[in-house]
Amino acid sequence: MHSIDDAGHGEYKVPGGKLVVVDLALAGGRIASVQVSGDFFLEPASALDAINAALVGFPADAGEAELSAAVTAALDADTQLYGLTPEGVAVAVRRALGAGGAMRSGQAGA
């Protein structure tokens, strides 16, 4: 088991949706733990655990497409997302990893 090397916080306001917040820890260059939160809704609530679990183990340089695909794959077909998208989670993760592009971690925006 690796020790925690770094931690990050990222936020993203899904266009037309809600705020997605990601707090994560890195160990050995990979996501060791992640907590997705925000003011969105999803049903069933247990889907949030599936989203968090799907992101653990990705390398710190994983792209938005990979992260988004992992979130999508982790959700049951009957999961309902309100104000949240897999792509929005991926953007918030990238921002938490310090690769947010024009917007830096901690800044909400579309």
PDB file of N, CA and C in Angstrom:
ATOM      1  N   MET A   1       0.839  -1.163   0.000  1.00  0.00           N
ATOM      2  CA  MET A   1       0.000   0.000   0.000  1.00  0.00           C
ATOM      3  C   MET A   1       0.892   1.237   0.000  1.00  0.00           C
ATOM      4  N   HIS A   2       0.531   2.207  -0.800  1.00  0.00           N
ATOM      5  CA  HIS A   2       1.288   3.443  -0.911  1.00  0.00           C
ATOM      6  C   HIS A   2       0.790   4.450   0.110  1.00  0.00           C
ATOM      7  N   SER A   3       1.690   5.307   0.562  1.00  0.00           N
ATOM      8  CA  SER A   3       1.264   6.424   1.398  1.00  0.00           C
ATOM      9  C   SER A   3       0.669   7.508   0.502  1.00  0.00           C
ATOM     10  N   ILE A   4      -0.053   8.407   1.107  1.00  0.00           N
ATOM     11  CA  ILE A   4      -0.670   9.488   0.353  1.00  0.00           C
ATOM     12  C   ILE A   4       0.416  10.482  -0.064  1.00  0.00           C
ATOM     13  N   ASP A   5       0.535  10.714  -1.364  1.00  0.00           N
ATOM     14  CA  ASP A   5       1.550  11.605  -1.906  1.00  0.00           C
ATOM     15  C   ASP A   5       1.046  13.041  -2.022  1.00  0.00           C
ATOM     16  N   ASP A   6      -0.215  13.197  -2.304  1.00  0.00           N
ATOM     17  CA  ASP A   6      -0.748  14.521  -2.574  1.00  0.00           C
ATOM     18  C   ASP A   6      -2.267  14.444  -2.476  1.00  0.00           C
ATOM     19  N   ALA A   7      -2.864  15.592  -2.338  1.00  0.00           N
ATOM     20  CA  ALA A   7      -4.322  15.669  -2.288  1.00  0.00           C
ATOM     21  C   ALA A   7      -4.756  16.841  -3.150  1.00  0.00           C
ATOM     22  N   GLY A   8      -5.987  16.775  -3.618  1.00  0.00           N
ATOM     23  CA  GLY A   8      -6.484  17.850  -4.460  1.00  0.00           C
ATOM     24  C   GLY A   8      -7.966  18.078  -4.279  1.00  0.00           C
ATOM     25  N   HIS A   9      -8.363  19.271  -4.670  1.00  0.00           N
ATOM     26  CA  HIS A   9      -9.767  19.671  -4.594  1.00  0.00           C
ATOM     27  C   HIS A   9     -10.117  20.345  -5.912  1.00  0.00           C
ATOM     28  N   GLY A  10     -11.214  19.935  -6.505  1.00  0.00           N
ATOM     29  CA  GLY A  10     -11.655  20.540  -7.743  1.00  0.00           C
ATOM     30  C   GLY A  10     -13.152  20.720  -7.752  1.00  0.00           C
ATOM     31  N   GLU A  11     -13.589  21.745  -8.459  1.00  0.00           N
ATOM     32  CA  GLU A  11     -15.018  22.031  -8.568  1.00  0.00           C
ATOM     33  C   GLU A  11     -15.357  22.323 -10.024  1.00  0.00           C
ATOM     34  N   TYR A  12     -16.578  22.001 -10.380  1.00  0.00           N
ATOM     35  CA  TYR A  12     -17.048  22.291 -11.741  1.00  0.00           C
ATOM     36  C   TYR A  12     -18.546  22.486 -11.700  1.00  0.00           C
ATOM     37  N   LYS A  13     -18.989  23.569 -12.306  1.00  0.00           N
ATOM     38  CA  LYS A  13     -20.428  23.828 -12.426  1.00  0.00           C
ATOM     39  C   LYS A  13     -20.860  23.286 -13.775  1.00  0.00           C
ATOM     40  N   VAL A  14     -21.657  22.210 -13.733  1.00  0.00           N
ATOM     41  CA  VAL A  14     -22.151  21.599 -14.965  1.00  0.00           C
ATOM     42  C   VAL A  14     -23.052  22.617 -15.673  1.00  0.00           C
ATOM     43  N   PRO A  15     -22.791  22.922 -16.931  1.00  0.00           N
ATOM     44  CA  PRO A  15     -23.649  23.872 -17.641  1.00  0.00           C
ATOM     45  C   PRO A  15     -25.122  23.439 -17.574  1.00  0.00           C
ATOM     46  N   GLY A  16     -25.943  24.318 -17.077  1.00  0.00           N
ATOM     47  CA  GLY A  16     -27.365  24.003 -16.933  1.00  0.00           C
ATOM     48  C   GLY A  16     -27.647  23.046 -15.783  1.00  0.00           C
ATOM     49  N   GLY A  17     -26.620  22.723 -15.011  1.00  0.00           N
ATOM     50  CA  GLY A  17     -26.781  21.746 -13.937  1.00  0.00           C
ATOM     51  C   GLY A  17     -26.318  22.294 -12.604  1.00  0.00           C
ATOM     52  N   LYS A  18     -25.684  21.456 -11.857  1.00  0.00           N
ATOM     53  CA  LYS A  18     -25.296  21.765 -10.489  1.00  0.00           C
ATOM     54  C   LYS A  18     -23.782  21.748 -10.326  1.00  0.00           C
ATOM     55  N   LEU A  19     -23.355  22.124  -9.121  1.00  0.00           N
ATOM     56  CA  LEU A  19     -21.941  22.131  -8.781  1.00  0.00           C
ATOM     57  C   LEU A  19     -21.481  20.721  -8.413  1.00  0.00           C
ATOM     58  N   VAL A  20     -20.365  20.303  -8.988  1.00  0.00           N
ATOM     59  CA  VAL A  20     -19.732  19.025  -8.661  1.00  0.00           C
ATOM     60  C   VAL A  20     -18.409  19.334  -7.970  1.00  0.00           C
ATOM     61  N   VAL A  21     -18.194  18.731  -6.821  1.00  0.00           N
ATOM     62  CA  VAL A  21     -16.980  18.945  -6.027  1.00  0.00           C
ATOM     63  C   VAL A  21     -16.265  17.599  -5.878  1.00  0.00           C
ATOM     64  N   VAL A  22     -14.960  17.623  -6.087  1.00  0.00           N
ATOM     65  CA  VAL A  22     -14.163  16.402  -5.947  1.00  0.00           C
ATOM     66  C   VAL A  22     -12.990  16.678  -5.008  1.00  0.00           C
ATOM     67  N   ASP A  23     -12.851  15.839  -4.023  1.00  0.00           N
ATOM     68  CA  ASP A  23     -11.682  15.828  -3.154  1.00  0.00           C
ATOM     69  C   ASP A  23     -11.043  14.463  -3.326  1.00  0.00           C
ATOM     70  N   LEU A  24      -9.739  14.464  -3.567  1.00  0.00           N
ATOM     71  CA  LEU A  24      -9.074  13.189  -3.817  1.00  0.00           C
ATOM     72  C   LEU A  24      -7.684  13.163  -3.208  1.00  0.00           C
ATOM     73  N   ALA A  25      -7.158  11.962  -3.102  1.00  0.00           N
ATOM     74  CA  ALA A  25      -5.786  11.746  -2.638  1.00  0.00           C
ATOM     75  C   ALA A  25      -5.075  10.874  -3.649  1.00  0.00           C
ATOM     76  N   LEU A  26      -3.803  11.159  -3.852  1.00  0.00           N
ATOM     77  CA  LEU A  26      -2.956  10.389  -4.764  1.00  0.00           C
ATOM     78  C   LEU A  26      -1.931   9.594  -3.973  1.00  0.00           C
ATOM     79  N   ALA A  27      -1.673   8.408  -4.443  1.00  0.00           N
ATOM     80  CA  ALA A  27      -0.612   7.582  -3.870  1.00  0.00           C
ATOM     81  C   ALA A  27       0.032   6.812  -5.017  1.00  0.00           C
ATOM     82  N   GLY A  28       1.334   6.905  -5.118  1.00  0.00           N
ATOM     83  CA  GLY A  28       2.033   6.208  -6.185  1.00  0.00           C
ATOM     84  C   GLY A  28       1.606   6.667  -7.569  1.00  0.00           C
ATOM     85  N   GLY A  29       1.208   7.923  -7.704  1.00  0.00           N
ATOM     86  CA  GLY A  29       0.806   8.455  -9.002  1.00  0.00           C
ATOM     87  C   GLY A  29      -0.590   8.062  -9.439  1.00  0.00           C
ATOM     88  N   ARG A  30      -1.344   7.469  -8.540  1.00  0.00           N
ATOM     89  CA  ARG A  30      -2.713   7.043  -8.876  1.00  0.00           C
ATOM     90  C   ARG A  30      -3.698   7.602  -7.857  1.00  0.00           C
ATOM     91  N   ILE A  31      -4.944   7.689  -8.255  1.00  0.00           N
ATOM     92  CA  ILE A  31      -5.987   8.143  -7.345  1.00  0.00           C
ATOM     93  C   ILE A  31      -6.201   7.045  -6.304  1.00  0.00           C
ATOM     94  N   ALA A  32      -5.929   7.396  -5.051  1.00  0.00           N
ATOM     95  CA  ALA A  32      -6.048   6.421  -3.958  1.00  0.00           C
ATOM     96  C   ALA A  32      -7.408   6.487  -3.289  1.00  0.00           C
ATOM     97  N   SER A  33      -7.971   7.663  -3.245  1.00  0.00           N
ATOM     98  CA  SER A  33      -9.315   7.820  -2.695  1.00  0.00           C
ATOM     99  C   SER A  33      -9.939   9.050  -3.327  1.00  0.00           C
ATOM    100  N   VAL A  34     -11.247   9.023  -3.426  1.00  0.00           N
ATOM    101  CA  VAL A  34     -11.959  10.154  -4.025  1.00  0.00           C
ATOM    102  C   VAL A  34     -13.331  10.275  -3.388  1.00  0.00           C
ATOM    103  N   GLN A  35     -13.745  11.517  -3.224  1.00  0.00           N
ATOM    104  CA  GLN A  35     -15.080  11.791  -2.702  1.00  0.00           C
ATOM    105  C   GLN A  35     -15.726  12.829  -3.613  1.00  0.00           C
ATOM    106  N   VAL A  36     -16.767  12.418  -4.301  1.00  0.00           N
ATOM    107  CA  VAL A  36     -17.538  13.326  -5.142  1.00  0.00           C
ATOM    108  C   VAL A  36     -18.716  13.828  -4.315  1.00  0.00           C
ATOM    109  N   SER A  37     -18.922  15.124  -4.343  1.00  0.00           N
ATOM    110  CA  SER A  37     -20.061  15.713  -3.644  1.00  0.00           C
ATOM    111  C   SER A  37     -20.545  16.906  -4.462  1.00  0.00           C
ATOM    112  N   GLY A  38     -21.520  17.597  -3.945  1.00  0.00           N
ATOM    113  CA  GLY A  38     -22.046  18.766  -4.642  1.00  0.00           C
ATOM    114  C   GLY A  38     -23.506  18.964  -4.327  1.00  0.00           C
ATOM    115  N   ASP A  39     -24.135  19.848  -5.091  1.00  0.00           N
ATOM    116  CA  ASP A  39     -25.547  20.133  -4.833  1.00  0.00           C
ATOM    117  C   ASP A  39     -26.469  19.449  -5.849  1.00  0.00           C
ATOM    118  N   PHE A  40     -25.982  18.408  -6.464  1.00  0.00           N
ATOM    119  CA  PHE A  40     -26.749  17.612  -7.427  1.00  0.00           C
ATOM    120  C   PHE A  40     -27.551  16.536  -6.694  1.00  0.00           C
ATOM    121  N   PHE A  41     -28.388  15.842  -7.463  1.00  0.00           N
ATOM    122  CA  PHE A  41     -29.169  14.718  -6.937  1.00  0.00           C
ATOM    123  C   PHE A  41     -28.945  13.511  -7.836  1.00  0.00           C
ATOM    124  N   LEU A  42     -29.012  12.350  -7.256  1.00  0.00           N
ATOM    125  CA  LEU A  42     -28.976  11.128  -8.045  1.00  0.00           C
ATOM    126  C   LEU A  42     -29.781  10.057  -7.328  1.00  0.00           C
ATOM    127  N   GLU A  43     -30.301   9.157  -8.130  1.00  0.00           N
ATOM    128  CA  GLU A  43     -31.151   8.095  -7.604  1.00  0.00           C
ATOM    129  C   GLU A  43     -30.772   6.788  -8.268  1.00  0.00           C
ATOM    130  N   PRO A  44     -30.417   5.759  -7.551  1.00  0.00           N
ATOM    131  CA  PRO A  44     -30.392   5.686  -6.094  1.00  0.00           C
ATOM    132  C   PRO A  44     -29.156   6.384  -5.531  1.00  0.00           C
ATOM    133  N   ALA A  45     -29.218   6.767  -4.270  1.00  0.00           N
ATOM    134  CA  ALA A  45     -28.106   7.464  -3.627  1.00  0.00           C
ATOM    135  C   ALA A  45     -26.844   6.620  -3.606  1.00  0.00           C
ATOM    136  N   SER A  46     -26.990   5.307  -3.619  1.00  0.00           N
ATOM    137  CA  SER A  46     -25.824   4.413  -3.616  1.00  0.00           C
ATOM    138  C   SER A  46     -24.989   4.559  -4.887  1.00  0.00           C
ATOM    139  N   ALA A  47     -25.532   5.190  -5.907  1.00  0.00           N
ATOM    140  CA  ALA A  47     -24.769   5.409  -7.139  1.00  0.00           C
ATOM    141  C   ALA A  47     -23.548   6.279  -6.873  1.00  0.00           C
ATOM    142  N   LEU A  48     -23.621   7.126  -5.855  1.00  0.00           N
ATOM    143  CA  LEU A  48     -22.468   7.964  -5.525  1.00  0.00           C
ATOM    144  C   LEU A  48     -21.283   7.109  -5.083  1.00  0.00           C
ATOM    145  N   ASP A  49     -21.553   6.061  -4.339  1.00  0.00           N
ATOM    146  CA  ASP A  49     -20.472   5.142  -3.943  1.00  0.00           C
ATOM    147  C   ASP A  49     -19.863   4.477  -5.178  1.00  0.00           C
ATOM    148  N   ALA A  50     -20.690   4.125  -6.134  1.00  0.00           N
ATOM    149  CA  ALA A  50     -20.200   3.498  -7.369  1.00  0.00           C
ATOM    150  C   ALA A  50     -19.330   4.471  -8.157  1.00  0.00           C
ATOM    151  N   ILE A  51     -19.726   5.745  -8.186  1.00  0.00           N
ATOM    152  CA  ILE A  51     -18.927   6.762  -8.886  1.00  0.00           C
ATOM    153  C   ILE A  51     -17.565   6.900  -8.203  1.00  0.00           C
ATOM    154  N   ASN A  52     -17.570   7.039  -6.893  1.00  0.00           N
ATOM    155  CA  ASN A  52     -16.311   7.180  -6.160  1.00  0.00           C
ATOM    156  C   ASN A  52     -15.404   5.977  -6.408  1.00  0.00           C
ATOM    157  N   ALA A  53     -15.946   4.790  -6.315  1.00  0.00           N
ATOM    158  CA  ALA A  53     -15.155   3.572  -6.497  1.00  0.00           C
ATOM    159  C   ALA A  53     -14.599   3.461  -7.917  1.00  0.00           C
ATOM    160  N   ALA A  54     -15.370   3.923  -8.893  1.00  0.00           N
ATOM    161  CA  ALA A  54     -14.941   3.816 -10.289  1.00  0.00           C
ATOM    162  C   ALA A  54     -13.701   4.651 -10.583  1.00  0.00           C
ATOM    163  N   LEU A  55     -13.477   5.689  -9.800  1.00  0.00           N
ATOM    164  CA  LEU A  55     -12.371   6.607 -10.075  1.00  0.00           C
ATOM    165  C   LEU A  55     -11.069   6.196  -9.384  1.00  0.00           C
ATOM    166  N   VAL A  56     -11.165   5.357  -8.378  1.00  0.00           N
ATOM    167  CA  VAL A  56      -9.970   4.926  -7.638  1.00  0.00           C
ATOM    168  C   VAL A  56      -9.110   4.042  -8.543  1.00  0.00           C
ATOM    169  N   GLY A  57      -7.812   4.315  -8.516  1.00  0.00           N
ATOM    170  CA  GLY A  57      -6.865   3.517  -9.282  1.00  0.00           C
ATOM    171  C   GLY A  57      -6.436   4.145 -10.594  1.00  0.00           C
ATOM    172  N   PHE A  58      -7.155   5.179 -11.039  1.00  0.00           N
ATOM    173  CA  PHE A  58      -6.742   5.833 -12.282  1.00  0.00           C
ATOM    174  C   PHE A  58      -5.444   6.591 -12.063  1.00  0.00           C
ATOM    175  N   PRO A  59      -4.583   6.602 -13.092  1.00  0.00           N
ATOM    176  CA  PRO A  59      -3.355   7.389 -12.973  1.00  0.00           C
ATOM    177  C   PRO A  59      -3.669   8.883 -12.928  1.00  0.00           C
ATOM    178  N   ALA A  60      -2.763   9.637 -12.350  1.00  0.00           N
ATOM    179  CA  ALA A  60      -2.969  11.082 -12.192  1.00  0.00           C
ATOM    180  C   ALA A  60      -3.081  11.800 -13.530  1.00  0.00           C
ATOM    181  N   ASP A  61      -2.607  11.183 -14.604  1.00  0.00           N
ATOM    182  CA  ASP A  61      -2.704  11.831 -15.905  1.00  0.00           C
ATOM    183  C   ASP A  61      -3.849  11.287 -16.768  1.00  0.00           C
ATOM    184  N   ALA A  62      -4.777  10.592 -16.146  1.00  0.00           N
ATOM    185  CA  ALA A  62      -5.937  10.079 -16.898  1.00  0.00           C
ATOM    186  C   ALA A  62      -6.713  11.246 -17.500  1.00  0.00           C
ATOM    187  N   GLY A  63      -7.212  11.051 -18.690  1.00  0.00           N
ATOM    188  CA  GLY A  63      -7.934  12.099 -19.386  1.00  0.00           C
ATOM    189  C   GLY A  63      -9.412  12.116 -19.026  1.00  0.00           C
ATOM    190  N   GLU A  64     -10.054  13.210 -19.391  1.00  0.00           N
ATOM    191  CA  GLU A  64     -11.479  13.358 -19.096  1.00  0.00           C
ATOM    192  C   GLU A  64     -12.306  12.254 -19.747  1.00  0.00           C
ATOM    193  N   ALA A  65     -11.940  11.847 -20.950  1.00  0.00           N
ATOM    194  CA  ALA A  65     -12.715  10.814 -21.636  1.00  0.00           C
ATOM    195  C   ALA A  65     -12.652   9.487 -20.870  1.00  0.00           C
ATOM    196  N   GLU A  66     -11.467   9.134 -20.393  1.00  0.00           N
ATOM    197  CA  GLU A  66     -11.312   7.893 -19.611  1.00  0.00           C
ATOM    198  C   GLU A  66     -12.119   7.945 -18.323  1.00  0.00           C
ATOM    199  N   LEU A  67     -11.995   9.064 -17.627  1.00  0.00           N
ATOM    200  CA  LEU A  67     -12.693   9.209 -16.345  1.00  0.00           C
ATOM    201  C   LEU A  67     -14.204   9.200 -16.546  1.00  0.00           C
ATOM    202  N   SER A  68     -14.662   9.906 -17.556  1.00  0.00           N
ATOM    203  CA  SER A  68     -16.088   9.956 -17.848  1.00  0.00           C
ATOM    204  C   SER A  68     -16.619   8.574 -18.211  1.00  0.00           C
ATOM    205  N   ALA A  69     -15.860   7.836 -19.013  1.00  0.00           N
ATOM    206  CA  ALA A  69     -16.280   6.488 -19.400  1.00  0.00           C
ATOM    207  C   ALA A  69     -16.364   5.569 -18.181  1.00  0.00           C
ATOM    208  N   ALA A  70     -15.423   5.721 -17.248  1.00  0.00           N
ATOM    209  CA  ALA A  70     -15.441   4.891 -16.040  1.00  0.00           C
ATOM    210  C   ALA A  70     -16.671   5.193 -15.189  1.00  0.00           C
ATOM    211  N   VAL A  71     -17.004   6.460 -15.078  1.00  0.00           N
ATOM    212  CA  VAL A  71     -18.197   6.834 -14.303  1.00  0.00           C
ATOM    213  C   VAL A  71     -19.444   6.271 -14.982  1.00  0.00           C
ATOM    214  N   THR A  72     -19.537   6.429 -16.275  1.00  0.00           N
ATOM    215  CA  THR A  72     -20.699   5.916 -17.015  1.00  0.00           C
ATOM    216  C   THR A  72     -20.825   4.404 -16.833  1.00  0.00           C
ATOM    217  N   ALA A  73     -19.718   3.696 -16.941  1.00  0.00           N
ATOM    218  CA  ALA A  73     -19.737   2.237 -16.816  1.00  0.00           C
ATOM    219  C   ALA A  73     -20.129   1.779 -15.414  1.00  0.00           C
ATOM    220  N   ALA A  74     -19.860   2.615 -14.416  1.00  0.00           N
ATOM    221  CA  ALA A  74     -20.158   2.237 -13.026  1.00  0.00           C
ATOM    222  C   ALA A  74     -21.629   2.394 -12.667  1.00  0.00           C
ATOM    223  N   LEU A  75     -22.367   3.110 -13.486  1.00  0.00           N
ATOM    224  CA  LEU A  75     -23.765   3.394 -13.168  1.00  0.00           C
ATOM    225  C   LEU A  75     -24.691   2.351 -13.773  1.00  0.00           C
ATOM    226  N   ASP A  76     -25.654   1.926 -12.985  1.00  0.00           N
ATOM    227  CA  ASP A  76     -26.684   1.033 -13.498  1.00  0.00           C
ATOM    228  C   ASP A  76     -27.531   1.787 -14.524  1.00  0.00           C
ATOM    229  N   ALA A  77     -28.130   1.051 -15.421  1.00  0.00           N
ATOM    230  CA  ALA A  77     -28.932   1.665 -16.476  1.00  0.00           C
ATOM    231  C   ALA A  77     -30.097   2.472 -15.919  1.00  0.00           C
ATOM    232  N   ASP A  78     -30.574   2.109 -14.745  1.00  0.00           N
ATOM    233  CA  ASP A  78     -31.725   2.825 -14.174  1.00  0.00           C
ATOM    234  C   ASP A  78     -31.326   3.976 -13.254  1.00  0.00           C
ATOM    235  N   THR A  79     -30.039   4.275 -13.147  1.00  0.00           N
ATOM    236  CA  THR A  79     -29.591   5.403 -12.320  1.00  0.00           C
ATOM    237  C   THR A  79     -30.036   6.715 -12.959  1.00  0.00           C
ATOM    238  N   GLN A  80     -30.558   7.592 -12.145  1.00  0.00           N
ATOM    239  CA  GLN A  80     -30.999   8.903 -12.607  1.00  0.00           C
ATOM    240  C   GLN A  80     -30.069   9.963 -12.032  1.00  0.00           C
ATOM    241  N   LEU A  81     -29.537  10.804 -12.900  1.00  0.00           N
ATOM    242  CA  LEU A  81     -28.661  11.904 -12.493  1.00  0.00           C
ATOM    243  C   LEU A  81     -29.406  13.208 -12.734  1.00  0.00           C
ATOM    244  N   TYR A  82     -29.431  14.076 -11.716  1.00  0.00           N
ATOM    245  CA  TYR A  82     -30.104  15.368 -11.822  1.00  0.00           C
ATOM    246  C   TYR A  82     -29.081  16.471 -11.545  1.00  0.00           C
ATOM    247  N   GLY A  83     -28.697  17.170 -12.587  1.00  0.00           N
ATOM    248  CA  GLY A  83     -27.723  18.244 -12.442  1.00  0.00           C
ATOM    249  C   GLY A  83     -26.287  17.763 -12.435  1.00  0.00           C
ATOM    250  N   LEU A  84     -26.076  16.537 -12.797  1.00  0.00           N
ATOM    251  CA  LEU A  84     -24.757  15.900 -12.763  1.00  0.00           C
ATOM    252  C   LEU A  84     -24.597  15.071 -14.026  1.00  0.00           C
ATOM    253  N   THR A  85     -23.409  15.091 -14.582  1.00  0.00           N
ATOM    254  CA  THR A  85     -23.099  14.246 -15.730  1.00  0.00           C
ATOM    255  C   THR A  85     -21.759  13.543 -15.482  1.00  0.00           C
ATOM    256  N   PRO A  86     -21.545  12.400 -16.105  1.00  0.00           N
ATOM    257  CA  PRO A  86     -20.222  11.772 -15.998  1.00  0.00           C
ATOM    258  C   PRO A  86     -19.109  12.693 -16.495  1.00  0.00           C
ATOM    259  N   GLU A  87     -19.399  13.470 -17.518  1.00  0.00           N
ATOM    260  CA  GLU A  87     -18.402  14.402 -18.036  1.00  0.00           C
ATOM    261  C   GLU A  87     -18.087  15.498 -17.009  1.00  0.00           C
ATOM    262  N   GLY A  88     -19.099  15.952 -16.295  1.00  0.00           N
ATOM    263  CA  GLY A  88     -18.886  16.955 -15.256  1.00  0.00           C
ATOM    264  C   GLY A  88     -18.031  16.422 -14.117  1.00  0.00           C
ATOM    265  N   VAL A  89     -18.246  15.178 -13.754  1.00  0.00           N
ATOM    266  CA  VAL A  89     -17.404  14.553 -12.725  1.00  0.00           C
ATOM    267  C   VAL A  89     -15.957  14.495 -13.218  1.00  0.00           C
ATOM    268  N   ALA A  90     -15.781  14.121 -14.476  1.00  0.00           N
ATOM    269  CA  ALA A  90     -14.428  14.017 -15.029  1.00  0.00           C
ATOM    270  C   ALA A  90     -13.723  15.372 -15.014  1.00  0.00           C
ATOM    271  N   VAL A  91     -14.423  16.426 -15.353  1.00  0.00           N
ATOM    272  CA  VAL A  91     -13.809  17.763 -15.336  1.00  0.00           C
ATOM    273  C   VAL A  91     -13.405  18.137 -13.908  1.00  0.00           C
ATOM    274  N   ALA A  92     -14.271  17.866 -12.945  1.00  0.00           N
ATOM    275  CA  ALA A  92     -13.947  18.180 -11.547  1.00  0.00           C
ATOM    276  C   ALA A  92     -12.749  17.354 -11.068  1.00  0.00           C
ATOM    277  N   VAL A  93     -12.656  16.112 -11.496  1.00  0.00           N
ATOM    278  CA  VAL A  93     -11.500  15.283 -11.132  1.00  0.00           C
ATOM    279  C   VAL A  93     -10.225  15.873 -11.730  1.00  0.00           C
ATOM    280  N   ARG A  94     -10.273  16.232 -13.001  1.00  0.00           N
ATOM    281  CA  ARG A  94      -9.087  16.819 -13.639  1.00  0.00           C
ATOM    282  C   ARG A  94      -8.670  18.098 -12.915  1.00  0.00           C
ATOM    283  N   ARG A  95      -9.622  18.891 -12.512  1.00  0.00           N
ATOM    284  CA  ARG A  95      -9.292  20.117 -11.775  1.00  0.00           C
ATOM    285  C   ARG A  95      -8.671  19.780 -10.423  1.00  0.00           C
ATOM    286  N   ALA A  96      -9.169  18.759  -9.777  1.00  0.00           N
ATOM    287  CA  ALA A  96      -8.583  18.337  -8.500  1.00  0.00           C
ATOM    288  C   ALA A  96      -7.152  17.849  -8.698  1.00  0.00           C
ATOM    289  N   LEU A  97      -6.876  17.325  -9.862  1.00  0.00           N
ATOM    290  CA  LEU A  97      -5.532  16.848 -10.176  1.00  0.00           C
ATOM    291  C   LEU A  97      -4.631  17.974 -10.667  1.00  0.00           C
ATOM    292  N   GLY A  98      -5.173  19.183 -10.720  1.00  0.00           N
ATOM    293  CA  GLY A  98      -4.373  20.334 -11.103  1.00  0.00           C
ATOM    294  C   GLY A  98      -4.206  20.521 -12.581  1.00  0.00           C
ATOM    295  N   ALA A  99      -5.065  19.910 -13.371  1.00  0.00           N
ATOM    296  CA  ALA A  99      -4.978  20.027 -14.824  1.00  0.00           C
ATOM    297  C   ALA A  99      -6.291  20.554 -15.374  1.00  0.00           C
ATOM    298  N   GLY A 100      -6.765  21.625 -14.767  1.00  0.00           N
ATOM    299  CA  GLY A 100      -8.091  22.131 -15.111  1.00  0.00           C
ATOM    300  C   GLY A 100      -8.165  23.007 -16.326  1.00  0.00           C
ATOM    301  N   GLY A 101      -7.100  23.179 -17.071  1.00  0.00           N
ATOM    302  CA  GLY A 101      -7.152  24.024 -18.247  1.00  0.00           C
ATOM    303  C   GLY A 101      -7.268  25.487 -17.851  1.00  0.00           C
ATOM    304  N   ALA A 102      -8.181  26.202 -18.456  1.00  0.00           N
ATOM    305  CA  ALA A 102      -8.301  27.632 -18.209  1.00  0.00           C
ATOM    306  C   ALA A 102      -8.790  27.936 -16.806  1.00  0.00           C
ATOM    307  N   MET A 103      -9.601  27.069 -16.241  1.00  0.00           N
ATOM    308  CA  MET A 103     -10.126  27.278 -14.898  1.00  0.00           C
ATOM    309  C   MET A 103      -9.298  26.442 -13.935  1.00  0.00           C
ATOM    310  N   ARG A 104      -8.879  27.021 -12.850  1.00  0.00           N
ATOM    311  CA  ARG A 104      -8.098  26.293 -11.871  1.00  0.00           C
ATOM    312  C   ARG A 104      -8.997  25.736 -10.790  1.00  0.00           C
ATOM    313  N   SER A 105      -8.478  24.782 -10.059  1.00  0.00           N
ATOM    314  CA  SER A 105      -9.197  24.149  -8.964  1.00  0.00           C
ATOM    315  C   SER A 105      -9.771  25.195  -8.024  1.00  0.00           C
ATOM    316  N   GLY A 106     -10.997  24.951  -7.610  1.00  0.00           N
ATOM    317  CA  GLY A 106     -11.634  25.836  -6.654  1.00  0.00           C
ATOM    318  C   GLY A 106     -12.439  26.934  -7.291  1.00  0.00           C
ATOM    319  N   GLN A 107     -12.383  27.044  -8.623  1.00  0.00           N
ATOM    320  CA  GLN A 107     -13.162  28.062  -9.297  1.00  0.00           C
ATOM    321  C   GLN A 107     -14.305  27.396 -10.028  1.00  0.00           C
ATOM    322  N   ALA A 108     -15.495  27.812  -9.723  1.00  0.00           N
ATOM    323  CA  ALA A 108     -16.662  27.288 -10.422  1.00  0.00           C
ATOM    324  C   ALA A 108     -16.795  28.002 -11.746  1.00  0.00           C
ATOM    325  N   GLY A 109     -17.317  27.324 -12.707  1.00  0.00           N
ATOM    326  CA  GLY A 109     -17.545  27.942 -13.999  1.00  0.00           C
ATOM    327  C   GLY A 109     -17.944  26.904 -15.004  1.00  0.00           C
ATOM    328  N   ALA A 110     -18.467  27.332 -16.119  1.00  0.00           N
ATOM    329  CA  ALA A 110     -18.914  26.418 -17.164  1.00  0.00           C
ATOM    330  C   ALA A 110     -17.784  26.077 -18.081  1.00  0.00           C
TER     331      ALA A 110
END
